[in-house]
Amino acid sequence: MSMLKLLGVLIDYPQDELWQHGDELLEAAADPALPAKRRDALIHFVRELLATDPLDAQDRWLSTFDRGRAMSLLLFEHIHGESRDRGQAMVDLVEAYRKNGFELAAKELPDYLPLLLEYLAQRPHAEARDWLHHVGPIVGLLGARAAERTSPYALLFEILVELADAKFDSGALRRRAQEEARDDTAQAMDRVWEEEAVRFGPEAPADDCAPPTRMPPASTATIRQVQP
């Protein structure tokens, strides 16, 4: 299992099947290409995850990524929000997948980070690094927010940023995360529900821009390669 594949699996919603592949996850986490400190931390993350009851791990994931938008794993949400520009960006991304012989094998938006990582894990190293470089600032901000919330998931985003060799001011991202109002509290979520107006007709957001629940309904999002 490649490092990108591993990180995608670990960032994704922890399906029950994950605990059946513990040895494989630990073997991948012990990648000698990682600096020793990062490698040890990643092995510890995997061991802690495997030692956690699946229901507790799933609840922690939902608390981290499915409450508020600041920690959304839908990358274009951080760029375009729910505008129609996001819909076009997703169409372009799907076309990029298809151009390289891949189709989405689960009902999931193409900008879902674990899905993108699964795709990049099967692409040439230079191409994967270029993609990671472009999404690096978003991943870096997610890592800063996760660190500010003392989430163990911060480690995974930090490793991704290092793999991308992205050049940006990580200190500025951390300061931004520190200054932001939390959007995952009960009070913040209540305000969102109160302020969201129901819109119909031409003013309604396009269906393809509406973020679904991040928890996969039946199985984790996967990409399958189309055989010629």
Protein backbone atom coordinates (compact mmCIF):
# COMPACT_ATOMS: atom_id res chain seq x y z
CA MET A 1 0.00 0.00 0.00
CA SER A 2 1.45 3.36 -1.01
CA MET A 3 1.68 6.25 1.44
CA LEU A 4 -0.97 8.27 -0.43
CA LYS A 5 -3.32 5.28 -0.40
CA LEU A 6 -2.70 4.81 3.33
CA LEU A 7 -3.34 8.47 4.15
CA GLY A 8 -6.53 8.41 2.10
CA VAL A 9 -7.76 5.34 3.96
CA LEU A 10 -6.92 6.86 7.35
CA ILE A 11 -8.54 10.22 6.57
CA ASP A 12 -11.66 8.57 5.18
CA TYR A 13 -14.65 7.58 7.33
CA PRO A 14 -13.52 4.49 9.26
CA GLN A 15 -15.67 1.68 7.93
CA ASP A 16 -15.82 -1.51 9.99
CA GLU A 17 -13.70 -3.29 7.36
CA LEU A 18 -10.72 -1.11 8.29
CA TRP A 19 -10.09 -3.20 11.43
CA GLN A 20 -9.75 -6.31 9.27
CA HIS A 21 -6.67 -4.86 7.56
CA GLY A 22 -4.70 -3.72 10.59
CA ASP A 23 -1.50 -5.56 9.69
CA GLU A 24 -1.51 -4.05 6.21
CA LEU A 25 -2.06 -0.56 7.60
CA LEU A 26 0.77 -0.93 10.10
CA GLU A 27 3.10 -2.26 7.43
CA ALA A 28 2.35 0.73 5.19
CA ALA A 29 2.78 3.17 8.09
CA ALA A 30 6.30 1.83 8.68
CA ASP A 31 7.43 3.21 5.31
CA PRO A 32 11.19 3.83 5.62
CA ALA A 33 10.86 6.78 3.23
CA LEU A 34 9.25 8.79 6.04
CA PRO A 35 11.46 10.60 8.55
CA ALA A 36 11.80 8.48 11.69
CA LYS A 37 9.80 10.89 13.85
CA ARG A 38 6.92 11.02 11.37
CA ARG A 39 7.04 7.26 10.86
CA ASP A 40 6.80 6.60 14.60
CA ALA A 41 3.94 9.07 14.96
CA LEU A 42 2.04 7.51 12.06
CA ILE A 43 2.46 3.99 13.44
CA HIS A 44 1.18 5.28 16.78
CA PHE A 45 -1.85 6.86 15.04
CA VAL A 46 -2.69 3.57 13.31
CA ARG A 47 -2.27 1.54 16.49
CA GLU A 48 -4.47 3.93 18.43
CA LEU A 49 -7.12 3.78 15.72
CA LEU A 50 -7.08 -0.02 15.63
CA ALA A 51 -7.34 -0.11 19.43
CA THR A 52 -10.43 2.11 19.35
CA ASP A 53 -13.90 0.65 19.20
CA PRO A 54 -15.24 1.19 15.64
CA LEU A 55 -18.31 3.06 16.86
CA ASP A 56 -16.15 5.42 18.91
CA ALA A 57 -13.77 5.96 15.98
CA GLN A 58 -16.67 6.68 13.66
CA ASP A 59 -18.17 9.13 16.13
CA ARG A 60 -14.80 10.90 16.44
CA TRP A 61 -14.57 11.15 12.65
CA LEU A 62 -18.04 12.65 12.38
CA SER A 63 -17.27 15.11 15.17
CA THR A 64 -14.11 16.17 13.32
CA PHE A 65 -15.21 16.35 9.69
CA ASP A 66 -19.00 16.44 9.58
CA ARG A 67 -19.81 19.33 11.90
CA GLY A 68 -19.43 22.69 10.27
CA ARG A 69 -17.56 23.43 7.05
CA ALA A 70 -14.13 24.41 8.33
CA MET A 71 -12.92 20.79 8.36
CA SER A 72 -14.76 19.68 5.24
CA LEU A 73 -12.89 17.09 3.19
CA LEU A 74 -14.57 18.40 0.04
CA LEU A 75 -11.71 20.49 -1.31
CA PHE A 76 -13.65 22.74 -3.67
CA GLU A 77 -15.92 23.76 -0.82
CA HIS A 78 -12.98 25.72 0.58
CA ILE A 79 -12.45 27.43 -2.78
CA HIS A 80 -15.90 27.92 -4.31
CA GLY A 81 -18.32 27.30 -1.46
CA GLU A 82 -21.60 26.18 -2.99
CA SER A 83 -21.36 28.42 -6.04
CA ARG A 84 -21.90 27.15 -9.57
CA ASP A 85 -18.15 27.57 -10.16
CA ARG A 86 -17.69 24.57 -7.90
CA GLY A 87 -19.94 22.49 -10.11
CA GLN A 88 -17.80 23.24 -13.17
CA ALA A 89 -14.61 22.51 -11.22
CA MET A 90 -16.02 19.10 -10.27
CA VAL A 91 -16.96 18.37 -13.88
CA ASP A 92 -13.38 19.18 -14.90
CA LEU A 93 -12.01 16.91 -12.18
CA VAL A 94 -14.23 14.00 -13.25
CA GLU A 95 -12.99 14.49 -16.81
CA ALA A 96 -9.39 14.36 -15.54
CA TYR A 97 -10.18 11.05 -13.86
CA ARG A 98 -11.76 9.65 -17.00
CA LYS A 99 -8.96 10.89 -19.25
CA ASN A 100 -6.60 8.67 -17.29
CA GLY A 101 -8.90 5.65 -17.42
CA PHE A 102 -10.63 5.94 -14.05
CA GLU A 103 -14.29 6.09 -13.09
CA LEU A 104 -15.86 6.83 -9.73
CA ALA A 105 -17.06 3.52 -8.33
CA ALA A 106 -19.14 5.00 -5.50
CA LYS A 107 -21.58 7.88 -5.25
CA GLU A 108 -19.21 10.55 -3.97
CA LEU A 109 -18.18 14.00 -5.07
CA PRO A 110 -14.86 13.98 -6.96
CA ASP A 111 -13.26 16.65 -4.76
CA TYR A 112 -13.50 14.42 -1.66
CA LEU A 113 -9.91 14.33 -0.39
CA PRO A 114 -9.63 10.57 0.34
CA LEU A 115 -10.99 9.88 -3.15
CA LEU A 116 -8.42 12.19 -4.75
CA LEU A 117 -5.64 10.53 -2.76
CA GLU A 118 -6.73 7.09 -3.94
CA TYR A 119 -6.56 8.35 -7.51
CA LEU A 120 -3.17 10.01 -7.05
CA ALA A 121 -1.80 6.85 -5.45
CA GLN A 122 -2.19 5.22 -8.87
CA ARG A 123 -0.65 8.05 -10.89
CA PRO A 124 3.04 8.79 -11.67
CA HIS A 125 4.95 10.35 -8.79
CA ALA A 126 5.54 13.68 -10.53
CA GLU A 127 1.85 14.08 -11.39
CA ALA A 128 0.75 13.17 -7.86
CA ARG A 129 3.22 15.64 -6.37
CA ASP A 130 1.96 18.39 -8.69
CA TRP A 131 -1.64 17.77 -7.60
CA LEU A 132 -0.62 17.80 -3.95
CA HIS A 133 1.31 21.01 -4.49
CA HIS A 134 -1.82 22.71 -5.82
CA VAL A 135 -4.08 21.56 -2.97
CA GLY A 136 -1.30 22.03 -0.40
CA PRO A 137 -2.62 25.32 1.04
CA ILE A 138 -6.05 23.77 1.66
CA VAL A 139 -4.54 20.66 3.20
CA GLY A 140 -2.25 22.87 5.28
CA LEU A 141 -5.20 24.86 6.58
CA LEU A 142 -7.06 21.67 7.45
CA GLY A 143 -3.98 20.52 9.33
CA ALA A 144 -3.73 23.84 11.19
CA ARG A 145 -7.39 23.68 12.16
CA ALA A 146 -7.06 20.06 13.25
CA ALA A 147 -4.01 20.95 15.37
CA GLU A 148 -5.85 23.88 16.91
CA ARG A 149 -8.64 21.47 17.86
CA THR A 150 -6.07 18.99 19.22
CA SER A 151 -7.26 16.37 16.74
CA PRO A 152 -4.92 13.44 16.04
CA TYR A 153 -5.87 13.80 12.36
CA ALA A 154 -3.58 16.85 12.21
CA LEU A 155 -0.65 14.46 11.73
CA LEU A 156 -2.09 13.05 8.49
CA PHE A 157 -2.51 16.49 6.92
CA GLU A 158 0.98 17.51 7.99
CA ILE A 159 2.46 14.44 6.30
CA LEU A 160 0.51 15.24 3.13
CA VAL A 161 1.88 18.79 3.09
CA GLU A 162 5.41 17.44 3.47
CA LEU A 163 4.90 14.97 0.63
CA ALA A 164 3.73 17.85 -1.56
CA ASP A 165 6.74 19.96 -0.62
CA ALA A 166 4.29 22.87 -0.72
CA LYS A 167 5.74 26.31 -0.07
CA PHE A 168 3.48 28.51 2.02
CA ASP A 169 3.49 30.19 5.42
CA SER A 170 2.38 27.46 7.82
CA GLY A 171 2.65 29.91 10.70
CA ALA A 172 0.09 32.18 9.02
CA LEU A 173 -2.28 29.24 8.60
CA ARG A 174 -1.93 28.35 12.27
CA ARG A 175 -2.62 31.96 13.29
CA ARG A 176 -5.68 32.00 11.04
CA ALA A 177 -6.92 28.78 12.64
CA GLN A 178 -6.39 30.27 16.09
CA GLU A 179 -8.35 33.41 15.22
CA GLU A 180 -11.29 31.67 13.55
CA ALA A 181 -14.55 31.20 15.38
CA ARG A 182 -15.33 27.50 15.78
CA ASP A 183 -18.14 26.34 13.52
CA ASP A 184 -18.56 22.88 15.01
CA THR A 185 -20.14 23.84 18.33
CA ALA A 186 -23.82 23.23 19.02
CA GLN A 187 -24.43 26.99 19.11
CA ALA A 188 -22.69 27.57 15.77
CA MET A 189 -24.59 24.75 14.09
CA ASP A 190 -27.89 26.06 15.44
CA ARG A 191 -27.12 29.47 13.94
CA VAL A 192 -26.44 27.89 10.54
CA TRP A 193 -29.81 26.14 10.57
CA GLU A 194 -31.54 29.37 11.62
CA GLU A 195 -29.81 31.51 8.99
CA GLU A 196 -30.08 29.13 6.01
CA ALA A 197 -32.88 30.33 3.77
CA VAL A 198 -34.79 27.80 1.71
CA ARG A 199 -34.50 28.88 -1.94
CA PHE A 200 -36.48 27.62 -4.89
CA GLY A 201 -36.40 28.16 -8.63
CA PRO A 202 -33.43 29.80 -10.37
CA GLU A 203 -32.06 31.12 -7.07
CA ALA A 204 -31.66 27.64 -5.61
CA PRO A 205 -28.15 26.20 -5.51
CA ALA A 206 -27.41 23.65 -8.20
CA ASP A 207 -27.83 20.06 -7.04
CA ASP A 208 -24.29 19.21 -8.10
CA CYS A 209 -22.92 21.84 -5.73
CA ALA A 210 -24.74 20.70 -2.62
CA PRO A 211 -22.42 18.87 -0.25
CA PRO A 212 -23.72 15.44 0.73
CA THR A 213 -23.24 13.89 4.10
CA ARG A 214 -19.56 12.99 4.26
CA MET A 215 -20.25 9.54 5.72
CA PRO A 216 -20.38 7.03 2.88
CA PRO A 217 -23.76 5.27 2.93
CA ALA A 218 -22.53 1.74 2.33
CA SER A 219 -18.85 1.54 1.48
CA THR A 220 -15.85 3.81 1.30
CA ALA A 221 -15.42 5.85 -1.84
CA THR A 222 -13.25 4.05 -4.36
CA ILE A 223 -12.01 4.53 -7.87
CA ARG A 224 -11.75 1.69 -10.31
CA GLN A 225 -9.53 1.67 -13.34
CA VAL A 226 -11.29 1.05 -16.60
CA GLN A 227 -9.70 -1.79 -18.49
CA PRO A 228 -9.00 -1.01 -22.16
